[in-house]
Amino acid sequence: HLARIPNAMSWEDAAAVPEAFVTAHDALVTQAAMRTGERVLVHAVGSGVGLAASQLIRALGGTCYGTARSADKIERAREFGLTDGVVVGDDLAVVGAAVKRWTNGEGVSVILDLVGGPYLPVNVECCAPTGRIILIGLMAGRSATLNLGSVLNRRVTIRGTVLRARTDAEKAAVTAAFVRDVLPLLERRAVRPVVERVFPLAQIADAHTLLESNRTFGKVVLTH
């Protein structure tokens, strides 16, 4: 379950790698079988996992689109592989309209959903034929109502993923895949962790306050 830290990487940056890059790589490569040239939509693209995914998509030869709650996060994510993005508020119809514009109505092949809830039915409508939706997070809720006709017509695959519930052997396989595919990218800085801020452990309450503000871009790291 361990991976070597690249020689030039700081401990703070190393702490920001596993949860973000292992999750994103597993979702994109192992679960969604993303292929070169495919379009991928990443919800919460300014999050740690979202930014890891956007960089990996670029490194794998795909095109990354994303959603976020602020225009600032969309603009900052362009440095990390985002081709275009849309700011999402209460009206999720903007997501479908943006995907149609970006893809000339064809839809995206892969969606990484870190939000859940009402985003899931929108995801189905954004999928190209044989699209794959990987559900990673549930920040917006644990339930949704789907148009099953669209699921059938588009032959959409919806897969949930979580790492902590996997067996030791499965976790070892995930780590081995990360070492094989992602570690070389980290070593030559083709991808890199994004750290919003580093807090000493004594300021952990301040770290939680920052996280709850939804202003973070990338990861928050604690040192001890």
C-alpha atoms as a PDB file:
ATOM      1  CA  HIS A   1       0.000   0.000   0.000  1.00  0.00           C
ATOM      2  CA  LEU A   2       3.083   2.272  -0.043  1.00  0.00           C
ATOM      3  CA  ALA A   3       4.672   4.234  -2.863  1.00  0.00           C
ATOM      4  CA  ARG A   4       8.050   5.913  -3.013  1.00  0.00           C
ATOM      5  CA  ILE A   5       8.085   9.720  -2.721  1.00  0.00           C
ATOM      6  CA  PRO A   6       9.926  11.401  -5.620  1.00  0.00           C
ATOM      7  CA  ASN A   7      13.287  12.775  -4.506  1.00  0.00           C
ATOM      8  CA  ALA A   8      12.506  16.424  -5.248  1.00  0.00           C
ATOM      9  CA  MET A   9       9.074  16.410  -3.613  1.00  0.00           C
ATOM     10  CA  SER A  10       8.467  18.008  -0.206  1.00  0.00           C
ATOM     11  CA  TRP A  11       6.678  16.167   2.583  1.00  0.00           C
ATOM     12  CA  GLU A  12       3.824  18.684   2.363  1.00  0.00           C
ATOM     13  CA  ASP A  13       3.336  18.052  -1.358  1.00  0.00           C
ATOM     14  CA  ALA A  14       3.673  14.299  -0.815  1.00  0.00           C
ATOM     15  CA  ALA A  15       0.869  14.424   1.759  1.00  0.00           C
ATOM     16  CA  ALA A  16      -1.401  15.960  -0.881  1.00  0.00           C
ATOM     17  CA  VAL A  17      -0.788  13.219  -3.458  1.00  0.00           C
ATOM     18  CA  PRO A  18      -2.337   9.864  -2.422  1.00  0.00           C
ATOM     19  CA  GLU A  19      -5.991  10.653  -1.765  1.00  0.00           C
ATOM     20  CA  ALA A  20      -6.185  12.911  -4.813  1.00  0.00           C
ATOM     21  CA  PHE A  21      -4.112  11.119  -7.450  1.00  0.00           C
ATOM     22  CA  VAL A  22      -4.824   7.524  -6.460  1.00  0.00           C
ATOM     23  CA  THR A  23      -8.568   8.241  -6.450  1.00  0.00           C
ATOM     24  CA  ALA A  24      -8.483  10.119  -9.759  1.00  0.00           C
ATOM     25  CA  HIS A  25      -6.286   7.563 -11.533  1.00  0.00           C
ATOM     26  CA  ASP A  26      -8.342   4.620 -10.314  1.00  0.00           C
ATOM     27  CA  ALA A  27     -11.567   6.313 -11.424  1.00  0.00           C
ATOM     28  CA  LEU A  28     -10.277   7.361 -14.831  1.00  0.00           C
ATOM     29  CA  VAL A  29      -8.132   4.403 -15.849  1.00  0.00           C
ATOM     30  CA  THR A  30      -9.260   1.352 -13.888  1.00  0.00           C
ATOM     31  CA  GLN A  31     -12.976   2.085 -13.498  1.00  0.00           C
ATOM     32  CA  ALA A  32     -13.801   4.189 -16.587  1.00  0.00           C
ATOM     33  CA  ALA A  33     -11.132   2.791 -18.952  1.00  0.00           C
ATOM     34  CA  MET A  34     -10.562   6.262 -20.361  1.00  0.00           C
ATOM     35  CA  ARG A  35      -8.986   6.279 -23.815  1.00  0.00           C
ATOM     36  CA  THR A  36      -6.831   8.810 -25.631  1.00  0.00           C
ATOM     37  CA  GLY A  37      -8.928  11.432 -27.403  1.00  0.00           C
ATOM     38  CA  GLU A  38     -11.976  11.089 -25.164  1.00  0.00           C
ATOM     39  CA  ARG A  39     -13.793  14.032 -23.604  1.00  0.00           C
ATOM     40  CA  VAL A  40     -14.142  13.940 -19.818  1.00  0.00           C
ATOM     41  CA  LEU A  41     -16.328  16.048 -17.538  1.00  0.00           C
ATOM     42  CA  VAL A  42     -15.139  16.548 -13.949  1.00  0.00           C
ATOM     43  CA  HIS A  43     -17.500  17.980 -11.367  1.00  0.00           C
ATOM     44  CA  ALA A  44     -15.829  20.004  -8.571  1.00  0.00           C
ATOM     45  CA  VAL A  45     -12.785  20.421 -10.777  1.00  0.00           C
ATOM     46  CA  GLY A  46     -11.162  22.787  -8.260  1.00  0.00           C
ATOM     47  CA  SER A  47     -11.019  20.113  -5.569  1.00  0.00           C
ATOM     48  CA  GLY A  48      -7.952  17.986  -4.838  1.00  0.00           C
ATOM     49  CA  VAL A  49      -9.306  14.996  -6.759  1.00  0.00           C
ATOM     50  CA  GLY A  50     -10.682  17.252  -9.490  1.00  0.00           C
ATOM     51  CA  LEU A  51      -7.326  18.903 -10.144  1.00  0.00           C
ATOM     52  CA  ALA A  52      -5.524  15.565 -10.078  1.00  0.00           C
ATOM     53  CA  ALA A  53      -8.051  14.268 -12.620  1.00  0.00           C
ATOM     54  CA  SER A  54      -7.727  17.287 -14.920  1.00  0.00           C
ATOM     55  CA  GLN A  55      -3.946  16.865 -15.039  1.00  0.00           C
ATOM     56  CA  LEU A  56      -4.162  13.121 -15.637  1.00  0.00           C
ATOM     57  CA  ILE A  57      -6.715  13.600 -18.413  1.00  0.00           C
ATOM     58  CA  ARG A  58      -4.330  15.967 -20.172  1.00  0.00           C
ATOM     59  CA  ALA A  59      -1.399  13.596 -19.644  1.00  0.00           C
ATOM     60  CA  LEU A  60      -3.443  10.696 -21.055  1.00  0.00           C
ATOM     61  CA  GLY A  61      -4.380  12.623 -24.191  1.00  0.00           C
ATOM     62  CA  GLY A  62      -7.958  13.458 -23.302  1.00  0.00           C
ATOM     63  CA  THR A  63      -9.906  16.717 -23.137  1.00  0.00           C
ATOM     64  CA  CYS A  64     -11.070  17.887 -19.721  1.00  0.00           C
ATOM     65  CA  TYR A  65     -14.155  19.982 -19.049  1.00  0.00           C
ATOM     66  CA  GLY A  66     -15.250  20.883 -15.545  1.00  0.00           C
ATOM     67  CA  THR A  67     -17.714  22.473 -13.174  1.00  0.00           C
ATOM     68  CA  ALA A  68     -17.085  24.539 -10.062  1.00  0.00           C
ATOM     69  CA  ARG A  69     -18.937  26.886  -7.740  1.00  0.00           C
ATOM     70  CA  SER A  70     -16.913  29.964  -8.709  1.00  0.00           C
ATOM     71  CA  ALA A  71     -15.426  31.491 -11.845  1.00  0.00           C
ATOM     72  CA  ASP A  72     -12.098  31.869 -10.045  1.00  0.00           C
ATOM     73  CA  LYS A  73     -11.757  28.097  -9.652  1.00  0.00           C
ATOM     74  CA  ILE A  74     -12.556  27.560 -13.324  1.00  0.00           C
ATOM     75  CA  GLU A  75      -9.910  30.063 -14.406  1.00  0.00           C
ATOM     76  CA  ARG A  76      -7.251  28.698 -12.042  1.00  0.00           C
ATOM     77  CA  ALA A  77      -7.940  25.126 -13.191  1.00  0.00           C
ATOM     78  CA  ARG A  78      -6.991  25.977 -16.777  1.00  0.00           C
ATOM     79  CA  GLU A  79      -3.338  25.822 -15.721  1.00  0.00           C
ATOM     80  CA  PHE A  80      -3.915  22.216 -14.658  1.00  0.00           C
ATOM     81  CA  GLY A  81      -5.414  20.796 -17.831  1.00  0.00           C
ATOM     82  CA  LEU A  82      -8.934  22.218 -17.911  1.00  0.00           C
ATOM     83  CA  THR A  83      -9.994  23.104 -21.460  1.00  0.00           C
ATOM     84  CA  ASP A  84     -13.217  24.863 -20.441  1.00  0.00           C
ATOM     85  CA  GLY A  85     -15.602  24.983 -17.522  1.00  0.00           C
ATOM     86  CA  VAL A  86     -18.895  26.300 -16.257  1.00  0.00           C
ATOM     87  CA  VAL A  87     -19.890  27.858 -12.950  1.00  0.00           C
ATOM     88  CA  VAL A  88     -22.747  25.947 -11.331  1.00  0.00           C
ATOM     89  CA  GLY A  89     -25.272  27.442  -8.921  1.00  0.00           C
ATOM     90  CA  ASP A  90     -28.744  26.175  -8.153  1.00  0.00           C
ATOM     91  CA  ASP A  91     -29.699  25.701 -11.814  1.00  0.00           C
ATOM     92  CA  LEU A  92     -27.917  22.616 -13.144  1.00  0.00           C
ATOM     93  CA  ALA A  93     -29.312  23.138 -16.637  1.00  0.00           C
ATOM     94  CA  VAL A  94     -26.201  25.209 -17.371  1.00  0.00           C
ATOM     95  CA  VAL A  95     -24.145  21.998 -17.281  1.00  0.00           C
ATOM     96  CA  GLY A  96     -26.074  20.293 -20.056  1.00  0.00           C
ATOM     97  CA  ALA A  97     -26.049  23.447 -22.169  1.00  0.00           C
ATOM     98  CA  ALA A  98     -22.289  23.819 -21.740  1.00  0.00           C
ATOM     99  CA  VAL A  99     -21.591  20.179 -22.632  1.00  0.00           C
ATOM    100  CA  LYS A 100     -23.677  20.499 -25.811  1.00  0.00           C
ATOM    101  CA  ARG A 101     -21.709  23.609 -26.771  1.00  0.00           C
ATOM    102  CA  TRP A 102     -18.308  22.084 -26.009  1.00  0.00           C
ATOM    103  CA  THR A 103     -18.995  18.814 -27.850  1.00  0.00           C
ATOM    104  CA  ASN A 104     -21.246  19.990 -30.718  1.00  0.00           C
ATOM    105  CA  GLY A 105     -24.059  18.019 -29.148  1.00  0.00           C
ATOM    106  CA  GLU A 106     -22.148  14.724 -29.041  1.00  0.00           C
ATOM    107  CA  GLY A 107     -21.736  14.510 -25.252  1.00  0.00           C
ATOM    108  CA  VAL A 108     -18.798  13.396 -23.135  1.00  0.00           C
ATOM    109  CA  SER A 109     -17.429   9.870 -22.852  1.00  0.00           C
ATOM    110  CA  VAL A 110     -16.527   9.905 -19.147  1.00  0.00           C
ATOM    111  CA  ILE A 111     -17.884  11.842 -16.168  1.00  0.00           C
ATOM    112  CA  LEU A 112     -16.208  11.937 -12.762  1.00  0.00           C
ATOM    113  CA  ASP A 113     -18.865  13.020 -10.280  1.00  0.00           C
ATOM    114  CA  LEU A 114     -17.570  14.141  -6.895  1.00  0.00           C
ATOM    115  CA  VAL A 115     -20.882  15.785  -6.006  1.00  0.00           C
ATOM    116  CA  GLY A 116     -23.737  13.297  -6.473  1.00  0.00           C
ATOM    117  CA  GLY A 117     -27.384  14.031  -5.696  1.00  0.00           C
ATOM    118  CA  PRO A 118     -29.081  16.054  -8.449  1.00  0.00           C
ATOM    119  CA  TYR A 119     -25.938  15.986 -10.599  1.00  0.00           C
ATOM    120  CA  LEU A 120     -26.512  12.335 -11.518  1.00  0.00           C
ATOM    121  CA  PRO A 121     -29.545  12.791 -13.820  1.00  0.00           C
ATOM    122  CA  VAL A 122     -27.720  15.708 -15.471  1.00  0.00           C
ATOM    123  CA  ASN A 123     -24.741  13.415 -16.013  1.00  0.00           C
ATOM    124  CA  VAL A 124     -26.860  10.901 -17.907  1.00  0.00           C
ATOM    125  CA  GLU A 125     -28.097  13.593 -20.280  1.00  0.00           C
ATOM    126  CA  CYS A 126     -24.505  14.782 -20.839  1.00  0.00           C
ATOM    127  CA  CYS A 127     -23.210  11.352 -21.849  1.00  0.00           C
ATOM    128  CA  ALA A 128     -22.283  10.320 -25.330  1.00  0.00           C
ATOM    129  CA  PRO A 129     -23.350   6.805 -26.368  1.00  0.00           C
ATOM    130  CA  THR A 130     -21.646   4.205 -24.124  1.00  0.00           C
ATOM    131  CA  GLY A 131     -20.653   6.982 -21.705  1.00  0.00           C
ATOM    132  CA  ARG A 132     -19.296   6.009 -18.289  1.00  0.00           C
ATOM    133  CA  ILE A 133     -20.249   7.846 -15.108  1.00  0.00           C
ATOM    134  CA  ILE A 134     -18.016   7.252 -12.089  1.00  0.00           C
ATOM    135  CA  LEU A 135     -19.636   8.364  -8.843  1.00  0.00           C
ATOM    136  CA  ILE A 136     -16.931   9.343  -6.341  1.00  0.00           C
ATOM    137  CA  GLY A 137     -18.542  11.753  -3.880  1.00  0.00           C
ATOM    138  CA  LEU A 138     -21.922  12.666  -2.422  1.00  0.00           C
ATOM    139  CA  MET A 139     -21.522  16.285  -1.307  1.00  0.00           C
ATOM    140  CA  ALA A 140     -24.870  17.249  -2.858  1.00  0.00           C
ATOM    141  CA  GLY A 141     -26.840  14.245  -1.580  1.00  0.00           C
ATOM    142  CA  ARG A 142     -27.239  10.486  -1.551  1.00  0.00           C
ATOM    143  CA  SER A 143     -30.303  10.098  -3.784  1.00  0.00           C
ATOM    144  CA  ALA A 144     -31.411  11.044  -7.298  1.00  0.00           C
ATOM    145  CA  THR A 145     -34.194  10.343  -9.791  1.00  0.00           C
ATOM    146  CA  LEU A 146     -33.024   9.070 -13.164  1.00  0.00           C
ATOM    147  CA  ASN A 147     -34.542   8.940 -16.626  1.00  0.00           C
ATOM    148  CA  LEU A 148     -33.941   5.242 -17.223  1.00  0.00           C
ATOM    149  CA  GLY A 149     -34.899   5.636 -20.864  1.00  0.00           C
ATOM    150  CA  SER A 150     -31.869   7.847 -21.385  1.00  0.00           C
ATOM    151  CA  VAL A 151     -29.685   5.336 -19.556  1.00  0.00           C
ATOM    152  CA  LEU A 152     -30.876   2.606 -21.919  1.00  0.00           C
ATOM    153  CA  ASN A 153     -30.777   4.643 -25.122  1.00  0.00           C
ATOM    154  CA  ARG A 154     -27.284   5.914 -24.468  1.00  0.00           C
ATOM    155  CA  ARG A 155     -26.119   2.571 -23.023  1.00  0.00           C
ATOM    156  CA  VAL A 156     -24.678   4.466 -20.058  1.00  0.00           C
ATOM    157  CA  THR A 157     -22.613   2.761 -17.360  1.00  0.00           C
ATOM    158  CA  ILE A 158     -22.956   4.162 -13.831  1.00  0.00           C
ATOM    159  CA  ARG A 159     -20.359   2.904 -11.364  1.00  0.00           C
ATOM    160  CA  GLY A 160     -19.774   3.860  -7.753  1.00  0.00           C
ATOM    161  CA  THR A 161     -16.272   3.750  -6.328  1.00  0.00           C
ATOM    162  CA  VAL A 162     -14.722   3.987  -2.872  1.00  0.00           C
ATOM    163  CA  LEU A 163     -11.239   2.994  -1.742  1.00  0.00           C
ATOM    164  CA  ARG A 164     -11.576   2.465   1.994  1.00  0.00           C
ATOM    165  CA  ALA A 165     -14.014  -0.445   1.640  1.00  0.00           C
ATOM    166  CA  ARG A 166     -11.714  -2.483  -0.619  1.00  0.00           C
ATOM    167  CA  THR A 167      -9.746  -5.513   0.465  1.00  0.00           C
ATOM    168  CA  ASP A 168      -6.017  -5.353   1.185  1.00  0.00           C
ATOM    169  CA  ALA A 169      -5.319  -7.051  -2.136  1.00  0.00           C
ATOM    170  CA  GLU A 170      -7.477  -4.561  -4.024  1.00  0.00           C
ATOM    171  CA  LYS A 171      -5.764  -1.625  -2.310  1.00  0.00           C
ATOM    172  CA  ALA A 172      -2.372  -3.090  -3.226  1.00  0.00           C
ATOM    173  CA  ALA A 173      -3.482  -3.335  -6.858  1.00  0.00           C
ATOM    174  CA  VAL A 174      -4.643   0.294  -6.846  1.00  0.00           C
ATOM    175  CA  THR A 175      -1.287   1.390  -5.423  1.00  0.00           C
ATOM    176  CA  ALA A 176       0.626  -0.684  -7.988  1.00  0.00           C
ATOM    177  CA  ALA A 177      -1.328   0.963 -10.807  1.00  0.00           C
ATOM    178  CA  PHE A 178      -0.565   4.386  -9.331  1.00  0.00           C
ATOM    179  CA  VAL A 179       3.152   3.552  -9.131  1.00  0.00           C
ATOM    180  CA  ARG A 180       3.122   2.285 -12.719  1.00  0.00           C
ATOM    181  CA  ASP A 181       1.253   5.168 -14.345  1.00  0.00           C
ATOM    182  CA  VAL A 182       1.299   8.242 -12.096  1.00  0.00           C
ATOM    183  CA  LEU A 183       4.589   8.166 -10.206  1.00  0.00           C
ATOM    184  CA  PRO A 184       6.642   8.723 -13.401  1.00  0.00           C
ATOM    185  CA  LEU A 185       4.439  11.735 -14.211  1.00  0.00           C
ATOM    186  CA  LEU A 186       5.005  13.155 -10.721  1.00  0.00           C
ATOM    187  CA  GLU A 187       8.751  12.576 -10.984  1.00  0.00           C
ATOM    188  CA  ARG A 188       9.050  14.644 -14.154  1.00  0.00           C
ATOM    189  CA  ARG A 189       6.409  17.131 -12.924  1.00  0.00           C
ATOM    190  CA  ALA A 190       4.056  16.453 -15.795  1.00  0.00           C
ATOM    191  CA  VAL A 191       1.453  16.438 -12.998  1.00  0.00           C
ATOM    192  CA  ARG A 192       1.767  17.888  -9.500  1.00  0.00           C
ATOM    193  CA  PRO A 193      -0.205  18.191  -6.280  1.00  0.00           C
ATOM    194  CA  VAL A 194      -1.996  21.485  -5.683  1.00  0.00           C
ATOM    195  CA  VAL A 195      -1.811  22.689  -2.071  1.00  0.00           C
ATOM    196  CA  GLU A 196      -4.071  25.544  -1.033  1.00  0.00           C
ATOM    197  CA  ARG A 197      -2.539  25.998   2.403  1.00  0.00           C
ATOM    198  CA  VAL A 198      -0.450  24.236   5.049  1.00  0.00           C
ATOM    199  CA  PHE A 199      -1.521  24.410   8.708  1.00  0.00           C
ATOM    200  CA  PRO A 200       0.309  23.244  11.839  1.00  0.00           C
ATOM    201  CA  LEU A 201      -1.690  20.652  13.760  1.00  0.00           C
ATOM    202  CA  ALA A 202      -2.381  23.185  16.511  1.00  0.00           C
ATOM    203  CA  GLN A 203      -4.456  25.163  13.982  1.00  0.00           C
ATOM    204  CA  ILE A 204      -6.586  22.235  12.853  1.00  0.00           C
ATOM    205  CA  ALA A 205      -9.782  24.123  13.716  1.00  0.00           C
ATOM    206  CA  ASP A 206      -8.745  26.884  11.313  1.00  0.00           C
ATOM    207  CA  ALA A 207      -8.056  24.252   8.652  1.00  0.00           C
ATOM    208  CA  HIS A 208     -11.573  22.850   9.049  1.00  0.00           C
ATOM    209  CA  THR A 209     -13.057  26.348   8.874  1.00  0.00           C
ATOM    210  CA  LEU A 210     -11.254  26.940   5.590  1.00  0.00           C
ATOM    211  CA  LEU A 211     -12.483  23.630   4.186  1.00  0.00           C
ATOM    212  CA  GLU A 212     -16.066  24.393   5.196  1.00  0.00           C
ATOM    213  CA  SER A 213     -15.900  27.768   3.439  1.00  0.00           C
ATOM    214  CA  ASN A 214     -15.717  26.059   0.007  1.00  0.00           C
ATOM    215  CA  ARG A 215     -12.991  28.552  -0.975  1.00  0.00           C
ATOM    216  CA  THR A 216     -10.201  25.983  -1.193  1.00  0.00           C
ATOM    217  CA  PHE A 217      -8.466  25.192  -4.457  1.00  0.00           C
ATOM    218  CA  GLY A 218      -6.727  21.840  -4.187  1.00  0.00           C
ATOM    219  CA  LYS A 219      -5.678  20.302  -0.880  1.00  0.00           C
ATOM    220  CA  VAL A 220      -5.290  21.523   2.705  1.00  0.00           C
ATOM    221  CA  VAL A 221      -2.317  19.926   4.495  1.00  0.00           C
ATOM    222  CA  LEU A 222      -1.577  19.539   8.201  1.00  0.00           C
ATOM    223  CA  THR A 223       1.959  19.331   9.604  1.00  0.00           C
ATOM    224  CA  HIS A 224       2.923  17.909  12.975  1.00  0.00           C
END
